[in-house]
N, C-alpha and C. Protein backbone atom coordinates (compact mmCIF):
# COMPACT_ATOMS: atom_id res chain seq x y z
N MET A 1 127.78 62.32 123.29
CA MET A 1 126.87 61.67 122.09
C MET A 1 127.79 61.04 120.91
N ARG A 2 128.82 61.78 120.89
CA ARG A 2 129.81 61.10 119.83
C ARG A 2 130.07 59.92 119.99
N THR A 3 130.59 59.61 121.25
CA THR A 3 130.52 58.22 121.33
C THR A 3 129.57 57.17 120.97
N LEU A 4 128.46 57.49 121.58
CA LEU A 4 127.33 56.73 121.14
C LEU A 4 127.01 56.68 119.59
N VAL A 5 127.23 57.59 119.07
CA VAL A 5 127.30 57.43 117.48
C VAL A 5 128.20 56.51 116.97
N PHE A 6 129.31 56.48 117.45
CA PHE A 6 130.44 55.83 116.88
C PHE A 6 130.45 54.31 117.34
N LEU A 7 130.10 54.06 118.52
CA LEU A 7 129.34 52.72 118.50
C LEU A 7 128.57 52.12 117.93
N ILE A 8 127.39 53.00 117.90
CA ILE A 8 126.12 52.45 116.59
C ILE A 8 126.99 52.12 115.14
N VAL A 9 127.51 53.09 114.58
CA VAL A 9 128.23 53.02 113.40
C VAL A 9 128.92 51.74 113.46
N LEU A 10 129.87 51.23 114.62
CA LEU A 10 130.77 50.33 114.33
C LEU A 10 130.07 49.05 114.65
N PHE A 11 128.90 48.92 115.57
CA PHE A 11 128.41 47.58 115.65
C PHE A 11 127.32 47.27 114.19
N THR A 12 127.07 48.47 113.82
CA THR A 12 126.36 48.05 112.45
C THR A 12 126.79 48.12 111.39
N THR A 13 128.48 48.62 111.13
CA THR A 13 129.00 48.40 109.67
C THR A 13 129.78 47.03 109.75
N VAL A 14 130.29 46.57 111.24
CA VAL A 14 131.00 45.51 111.27
C VAL A 14 130.01 44.08 111.36
N PRO A 15 130.03 43.44 110.08
CA PRO A 15 129.31 42.09 110.26
C PRO A 15 129.50 41.09 111.41
N ALA A 16 128.84 40.41 111.76
CA ALA A 16 129.38 39.32 112.95
C ALA A 16 130.23 38.40 112.59
N TYR A 17 130.01 37.66 111.17
CA TYR A 17 130.68 37.02 110.84
C TYR A 17 132.12 37.21 110.45
N ALA A 18 132.70 38.58 110.74
CA ALA A 18 134.28 39.17 110.45
C ALA A 18 134.83 38.91 111.81
N ILE A 19 134.22 38.98 112.92
CA ILE A 19 134.69 38.45 114.18
C ILE A 19 134.87 37.05 114.15
N GLU A 20 136.05 36.59 114.75
CA GLU A 20 136.26 35.26 114.86
C GLU A 20 135.69 34.78 115.95
N LYS A 21 135.34 33.38 115.66
CA LYS A 21 134.58 32.74 116.78
C LYS A 21 134.90 32.73 118.38
N ASP A 22 136.36 32.42 118.42
CA ASP A 22 137.39 32.56 119.26
C ASP A 22 136.95 33.92 120.18
N LYS A 23 136.82 34.80 119.50
CA LYS A 23 136.64 36.07 120.12
C LYS A 23 135.47 36.16 120.79
N ILE A 24 134.23 35.78 120.08
CA ILE A 24 133.02 35.77 120.46
C ILE A 24 132.92 34.71 121.52
N SER A 25 133.43 33.56 121.86
CA SER A 25 133.22 32.81 122.98
C SER A 25 134.16 33.48 124.15
N HIS A 26 135.10 34.00 123.81
CA HIS A 26 136.15 34.74 125.06
C HIS A 26 134.67 35.86 125.56
N PHE A 27 134.43 36.60 124.72
CA PHE A 27 133.73 37.55 125.31
C PHE A 27 132.15 37.41 125.91
N ALA A 28 131.63 35.91 125.35
CA ALA A 28 130.41 35.40 125.73
C ALA A 28 130.74 35.00 126.95
N GLY A 29 131.81 34.16 127.21
CA GLY A 29 132.38 33.70 128.58
C GLY A 29 132.70 34.55 129.85
N GLY A 30 133.19 35.68 129.47
CA GLY A 30 133.56 36.61 130.10
C GLY A 30 131.82 37.41 130.59
N GLY A 31 131.18 37.56 129.91
CA GLY A 31 129.88 38.31 130.19
C GLY A 31 129.20 37.20 131.28
N VAL A 32 129.32 36.05 130.96
CA VAL A 32 128.45 35.00 131.83
C VAL A 32 129.17 35.28 133.34
N LEU A 33 130.53 34.96 133.30
CA LEU A 33 131.16 35.04 134.58
C LEU A 33 130.90 36.34 135.33
N GLY A 34 131.04 37.84 134.74
CA GLY A 34 130.71 38.67 134.96
C GLY A 34 129.24 39.09 135.79
N LEU A 35 128.50 38.63 134.80
CA LEU A 35 126.81 38.78 135.49
C LEU A 35 127.06 37.68 136.64
N THR A 36 127.54 36.68 136.47
CA THR A 36 127.23 35.72 137.58
C THR A 36 127.77 36.21 139.13
N ALA A 37 129.23 36.59 138.96
CA ALA A 37 129.88 37.00 140.00
C ALA A 37 129.44 38.38 140.25
N ASP A 38 128.57 39.40 139.58
CA ASP A 38 128.22 40.34 140.29
C ASP A 38 126.79 40.26 140.97
N THR A 39 126.19 39.07 140.45
CA THR A 39 124.64 38.79 141.12
C THR A 39 125.10 38.21 142.36
N ILE A 40 125.91 37.24 142.48
CA ILE A 40 126.10 36.52 143.56
C ILE A 40 126.68 37.29 144.91
N ILE A 41 127.60 38.63 144.44
CA ILE A 41 128.32 39.28 145.48
C ILE A 41 127.24 40.29 145.85
N TYR A 42 126.22 40.39 144.78
CA TYR A 42 125.22 41.43 145.24
C TYR A 42 124.37 40.95 146.32
N HIS A 43 123.99 39.61 146.37
CA HIS A 43 123.30 39.10 147.02
C HIS A 43 124.07 38.75 148.52
N THR A 44 125.23 38.49 148.44
CA THR A 44 125.74 37.61 149.83
C THR A 44 127.04 38.67 150.35
N LYS A 45 127.12 40.13 149.81
CA LYS A 45 128.17 41.05 150.56
C LYS A 45 127.27 42.36 150.64
N ASP A 46 127.32 42.93 151.64
CA ASP A 46 127.13 44.21 151.89
C ASP A 46 127.90 45.45 151.52
N TRP A 47 128.13 45.58 150.04
CA TRP A 47 129.30 46.34 149.39
C TRP A 47 128.67 47.65 148.75
N GLY A 48 129.24 48.62 148.44
CA GLY A 48 128.92 49.41 147.44
C GLY A 48 129.04 49.14 146.17
N GLN A 49 128.43 50.03 145.46
CA GLN A 49 128.72 49.51 143.90
C GLN A 49 129.78 49.57 143.26
N PRO A 50 130.50 50.39 143.42
CA PRO A 50 132.06 50.70 143.09
C PRO A 50 132.54 49.30 143.29
N GLN A 51 132.73 49.19 144.84
CA GLN A 51 133.53 48.22 145.08
C GLN A 51 132.93 46.66 144.70
N ARG A 52 131.78 46.74 144.81
CA ARG A 52 131.21 45.43 143.91
C ARG A 52 131.65 45.22 142.50
N MET A 53 131.48 45.95 141.81
CA MET A 53 131.56 46.20 140.44
C MET A 53 133.08 45.93 139.93
N ALA A 54 134.06 46.49 140.77
CA ALA A 54 135.39 46.24 140.53
C ALA A 54 135.86 44.91 140.72
N PHE A 55 135.40 44.52 142.07
CA PHE A 55 135.69 43.11 142.42
C PHE A 55 135.00 41.58 141.70
N SER A 56 133.72 42.28 141.34
CA SER A 56 133.00 41.18 140.10
C SER A 56 134.00 40.98 138.94
N GLY A 57 134.35 42.40 138.32
CA GLY A 57 134.83 42.16 137.26
C GLY A 57 136.15 41.62 137.07
N GLY A 58 136.98 41.94 138.27
CA GLY A 58 138.05 41.01 138.35
C GLY A 58 138.23 39.69 138.32
N LEU A 59 137.17 39.07 139.45
CA LEU A 59 136.91 37.91 139.66
C LEU A 59 136.83 37.04 138.22
N ALA A 60 135.73 37.82 137.35
CA ALA A 60 135.44 37.08 136.05
C ALA A 60 136.47 37.46 135.01
N PHE A 61 137.45 37.94 135.27
CA PHE A 61 138.73 38.15 134.22
C PHE A 61 139.77 37.15 134.58
N ILE A 62 139.91 36.41 135.79
CA ILE A 62 140.92 35.48 135.98
C ILE A 62 140.65 34.40 135.50
N PRO A 63 139.65 33.50 134.95
CA PRO A 63 139.36 32.39 134.22
C PRO A 63 140.11 32.78 132.78
N GLY A 64 139.63 34.07 132.19
CA GLY A 64 140.09 34.32 130.94
C GLY A 64 142.01 34.14 130.60
N PHE A 65 142.29 35.20 132.05
CA PHE A 65 143.72 35.35 132.02
C PHE A 65 144.32 33.91 132.15
N ALA A 66 143.79 33.01 132.96
CA ALA A 66 144.27 31.70 133.02
C ALA A 66 144.26 30.93 132.05
N ILE A 67 143.42 31.11 130.96
CA ILE A 67 143.44 30.53 129.74
C ILE A 67 144.40 31.01 128.85
N GLU A 68 144.54 32.32 128.70
CA GLU A 68 145.42 32.65 127.90
C GLU A 68 147.20 32.14 128.42
N VAL A 69 147.31 32.10 129.62
CA VAL A 69 148.62 31.54 130.34
C VAL A 69 149.04 30.28 129.95
N VAL A 70 147.85 29.25 129.84
CA VAL A 70 147.90 28.11 129.82
C VAL A 70 148.01 27.63 128.16
N ASP A 71 147.62 28.74 127.16
CA ASP A 71 147.79 28.52 125.80
C ASP A 71 148.87 29.21 125.64
N GLU A 72 149.66 29.72 126.28
CA GLU A 72 151.14 30.00 125.98
C GLU A 72 152.35 29.18 126.18
N PHE A 73 151.74 28.60 127.32
CA PHE A 73 152.65 26.95 127.69
C PHE A 73 152.15 25.74 127.07
N SER A 74 150.80 25.70 126.05
CA SER A 74 150.72 24.71 125.63
C SER A 74 151.02 24.32 124.25
N GLY A 75 151.73 25.35 123.72
CA GLY A 75 151.78 25.64 122.15
C GLY A 75 151.04 26.78 121.21
N THR A 76 149.78 27.18 121.83
CA THR A 76 149.28 27.90 121.14
C THR A 76 149.69 29.50 121.81
N HIS A 77 149.79 30.31 121.21
CA HIS A 77 150.41 31.67 121.75
C HIS A 77 149.54 32.53 122.70
N PHE A 78 149.98 33.28 123.40
CA PHE A 78 149.29 34.29 124.33
C PHE A 78 148.73 35.16 123.45
N SER A 79 146.96 35.47 123.68
CA SER A 79 146.77 36.36 122.68
C SER A 79 146.14 38.04 123.47
N TRP A 80 146.62 38.67 123.25
CA TRP A 80 146.17 40.17 123.71
C TRP A 80 144.63 40.25 123.13
N TYR A 81 144.35 40.14 122.36
CA TYR A 81 143.23 40.10 121.66
C TYR A 81 141.88 39.21 122.19
N ASP A 82 142.51 38.09 122.45
CA ASP A 82 141.17 36.98 123.47
C ASP A 82 141.48 37.70 124.86
N LEU A 83 142.30 38.51 125.61
CA LEU A 83 142.46 38.87 126.75
C LEU A 83 141.30 40.30 126.72
N LEU A 84 141.50 41.01 125.68
CA LEU A 84 140.58 41.93 125.39
C LEU A 84 139.33 41.53 125.17
N ALA A 85 138.98 40.69 124.58
CA ALA A 85 137.64 40.05 124.43
C ALA A 85 137.13 39.65 125.79
N ASP A 86 138.12 38.94 126.90
CA ASP A 86 137.44 38.55 128.12
C ASP A 86 137.13 39.82 128.99
N GLY A 87 137.83 40.86 128.83
CA GLY A 87 137.93 41.85 129.53
C GLY A 87 136.49 42.74 129.66
N LEU A 88 136.50 42.72 128.01
CA LEU A 88 135.02 43.57 127.55
C LEU A 88 133.95 42.81 127.99
N GLY A 89 133.91 41.56 127.51
CA GLY A 89 132.70 40.29 128.30
C GLY A 89 132.68 40.71 129.82
N SER A 90 133.56 40.73 130.70
CA SER A 90 133.42 40.63 131.93
C SER A 90 132.95 42.23 132.63
N VAL A 91 133.16 42.96 131.56
CA VAL A 91 132.69 44.31 132.03
C VAL A 91 131.12 44.46 131.74
N THR A 92 130.93 43.92 130.46
CA THR A 92 129.45 43.75 130.11
C THR A 92 128.69 43.18 131.03
N GLY A 93 129.27 41.91 131.40
CA GLY A 93 128.58 41.10 132.61
C GLY A 93 128.40 41.83 133.56
N VAL A 94 128.78 42.52 134.26
CA VAL A 94 128.91 43.35 135.44
C VAL A 94 128.09 44.46 135.45
N VAL A 95 127.99 45.33 134.32
CA VAL A 95 127.14 46.29 133.93
C VAL A 95 125.48 45.64 133.70
N ALA A 96 125.57 44.49 133.21
CA ALA A 96 124.10 43.61 133.14
C ALA A 96 123.91 43.47 134.60
N GLY A 97 124.66 42.66 135.29
CA GLY A 97 124.30 42.48 136.72
C GLY A 97 123.84 43.46 137.33
N GLU A 98 124.50 44.94 137.34
CA GLU A 98 124.00 45.78 138.11
C GLU A 98 122.77 46.29 137.72
N LEU A 99 122.39 46.00 136.24
CA LEU A 99 121.14 46.55 135.94
C LEU A 99 119.90 45.71 136.44
N ILE A 100 120.25 44.53 136.17
CA ILE A 100 119.41 43.31 136.36
C ILE A 100 119.10 43.37 137.99
N ASN A 101 119.89 43.74 138.78
CA ASN A 101 119.76 43.55 140.21
C ASN A 101 119.23 44.98 140.84
N GLY A 102 119.30 45.82 140.07
CA GLY A 102 118.36 47.13 140.21
C GLY A 102 118.86 48.38 140.90
N LYS A 103 120.55 48.32 140.87
CA LYS A 103 121.55 49.20 141.23
C LYS A 103 121.85 50.02 140.57
N LEU A 104 121.51 50.26 139.14
CA LEU A 104 122.04 50.92 138.21
C LEU A 104 120.79 51.29 137.19
N TRP A 105 120.72 52.35 136.44
CA TRP A 105 119.84 52.82 135.73
C TRP A 105 120.49 53.56 134.49
N ILE A 106 119.57 53.40 133.55
CA ILE A 106 120.07 53.91 132.26
C ILE A 106 119.23 55.55 132.35
N SER A 107 119.82 56.30 132.24
CA SER A 107 119.14 58.02 132.21
C SER A 107 119.44 58.61 130.93
N ALA A 108 118.26 58.94 130.40
CA ALA A 108 118.27 59.24 128.57
C ALA A 108 117.70 60.74 128.73
N SER A 109 118.42 61.54 128.12
CA SER A 109 117.83 62.94 127.83
C SER A 109 117.83 63.16 126.32
N PRO A 110 117.55 64.28 125.68
CA PRO A 110 117.68 64.21 123.99
C PRO A 110 119.19 64.62 123.72
N SER A 111 120.14 65.29 124.81
CA SER A 111 121.41 65.12 124.63
C SER A 111 122.37 64.17 124.99
N ARG A 112 121.95 63.60 125.93
CA ARG A 112 122.81 62.51 126.67
C ARG A 112 122.36 61.42 127.21
N VAL A 113 123.03 60.34 127.26
CA VAL A 113 122.78 58.72 127.47
C VAL A 113 123.81 58.42 128.56
N SER A 114 123.23 58.40 130.01
CA SER A 114 124.35 58.11 130.90
C SER A 114 123.71 56.73 131.98
N LEU A 115 124.66 56.27 132.55
CA LEU A 115 124.51 55.10 133.65
C LEU A 115 124.27 56.05 135.10
N THR A 116 123.27 55.81 135.83
CA THR A 116 123.29 56.21 137.18
C THR A 116 122.79 55.19 138.56
N GLY A 117 123.33 55.38 139.42
CA GLY A 117 122.84 54.69 140.62
C GLY A 117 123.10 55.06 141.63
N HIS A 118 123.42 53.83 142.73
CA HIS A 118 123.77 54.52 143.96
C HIS A 118 125.30 54.31 144.12
N TRP A 119 125.89 55.62 144.28
CA TRP A 119 127.67 55.34 144.32
C TRP A 119 127.60 55.84 145.90
């Protein structure tokens, strides 16, 4: 519950304009790739949820990492914060893909909110 309260406070007190547009684009790109990869793998492979989520997240993370490597050699420097935004976006997209595809549910009680599913 403390984590949930912390996240709510964080997202409501940090204005959206305080986040660089570059980080938003990295997060959004990772999110779209994570959602796409998870949905494609969900419908084409007969894998369990942890394996599918791990593979989808890794697959969605690769383009962001490649962009940072290219940035390092093209004059712009490698950014760990961009890589963090890519990773967070990938994880968000994969979790959204699992929610949309029906293999993950949000379970809530007065004292706890958790993700449940077929593991």
